[in-house]
Amino acid sequence: MQRSELLAELKQLEAMEFDVVEEAINLAQEVDLTMFASMSVRAAAVVVATRGLQKRLGDRNLVSLMRSRSTYRPVPAHA
């Protein structure tokens, strides 16, 4: 995987309403990509996005990778 692919995938996640913070972008620019050799680019991007949010939030719990201001509305479950 190339670094440019990882960064492009993070942009894709952001376009899909994932919260990709600056810390994730910074991590993607400096991380050793061999750590993700067995993963798809998408999986690596999700890991990097998660670690970026964890870095930003510190000890606070990470509930979701989705933006809190998201326009996503789940389909109601049929009973």
Protein backbone atom coordinates (compact mmCIF):
# COMPACT_ATOMS: atom_id res chain seq x y z
CA MET A 1 0.00 0.00 0.00
CA GLN A 2 1.21 3.46 -0.85
CA ARG A 3 0.85 6.38 1.54
CA SER A 4 -1.12 8.27 -1.12
CA GLU A 5 -3.65 5.40 -1.20
CA LEU A 6 -4.10 5.55 2.57
CA LEU A 7 -4.59 9.32 2.51
CA ALA A 8 -7.07 9.03 -0.38
CA GLU A 9 -9.01 6.38 1.53
CA LEU A 10 -9.20 8.65 4.57
CA LYS A 11 -10.71 11.31 2.31
CA GLN A 12 -13.22 8.72 1.08
CA LEU A 13 -14.17 7.88 4.67
CA GLU A 14 -14.63 11.56 5.40
CA ALA A 15 -16.90 11.88 2.36
CA MET A 16 -18.96 8.99 3.77
CA GLU A 17 -19.53 10.98 7.01
CA PHE A 18 -16.74 9.43 9.07
CA ASP A 19 -15.01 11.80 11.46
CA VAL A 20 -11.44 11.90 10.12
CA VAL A 21 -9.58 14.30 12.41
CA GLU A 22 -6.26 16.05 11.79
CA GLU A 23 -4.54 13.61 14.14
CA ALA A 24 -5.52 10.76 11.81
CA ILE A 25 -4.11 12.57 8.78
CA ASN A 26 -0.88 13.25 10.65
CA LEU A 27 -0.65 9.61 11.70
CA ALA A 28 -1.22 8.46 8.11
CA GLN A 29 1.64 10.67 6.98
CA GLU A 30 4.13 9.21 9.44
CA VAL A 31 3.05 5.65 10.28
CA ASP A 32 5.13 2.66 9.17
CA LEU A 33 2.94 1.21 6.42
CA THR A 34 4.37 -2.28 6.86
CA MET A 35 2.13 -2.50 9.97
CA PHE A 36 -0.82 -2.68 7.58
CA ALA A 37 0.69 -5.09 5.04
CA SER A 38 -1.98 -7.74 5.59
CA MET A 39 -4.89 -5.27 5.50
CA SER A 40 -6.90 -3.70 2.75
CA VAL A 41 -6.50 0.05 2.27
CA ARG A 42 -10.01 0.56 3.68
CA ALA A 43 -9.25 -1.44 6.83
CA ALA A 44 -5.99 0.44 7.37
CA ALA A 45 -7.80 3.76 6.95
CA VAL A 46 -10.40 2.77 9.53
CA VAL A 47 -7.64 1.82 11.98
CA VAL A 48 -5.83 5.12 11.38
CA ALA A 49 -9.08 7.11 11.73
CA THR A 50 -9.84 5.31 15.00
CA ARG A 51 -6.36 5.91 16.39
CA GLY A 52 -6.57 9.57 15.39
CA LEU A 53 -9.84 10.00 17.28
CA GLN A 54 -8.41 8.16 20.28
CA LYS A 55 -5.43 10.50 20.25
CA ARG A 56 -7.72 13.52 20.12
CA LEU A 57 -10.17 12.29 22.76
CA GLY A 58 -7.62 10.88 25.20
CA ASP A 59 -9.35 9.02 28.02
CA ARG A 60 -12.87 9.77 26.81
CA ASN A 61 -14.69 6.84 25.29
CA LEU A 62 -14.89 6.54 21.54
CA VAL A 63 -18.51 5.77 20.76
CA SER A 64 -18.57 6.04 16.97
CA LEU A 65 -16.42 7.02 14.01
CA MET A 66 -19.41 8.80 12.50
CA ARG A 67 -19.55 12.58 12.70
CA SER A 68 -21.84 13.84 15.43
CA ARG A 69 -23.35 16.35 12.98
CA SER A 70 -24.03 13.61 10.48
CA THR A 71 -27.05 13.72 8.20
CA TYR A 72 -27.21 9.91 8.34
CA ARG A 73 -30.50 8.62 9.66
CA PRO A 74 -30.82 4.89 10.26
CA VAL A 75 -33.77 3.09 8.71
CA PRO A 76 -36.32 2.28 11.46
CA ALA A 77 -36.43 -1.39 12.35
CA HIS A 78 -39.69 -3.16 11.54
CA ALA A 79 -41.22 -4.86 14.53
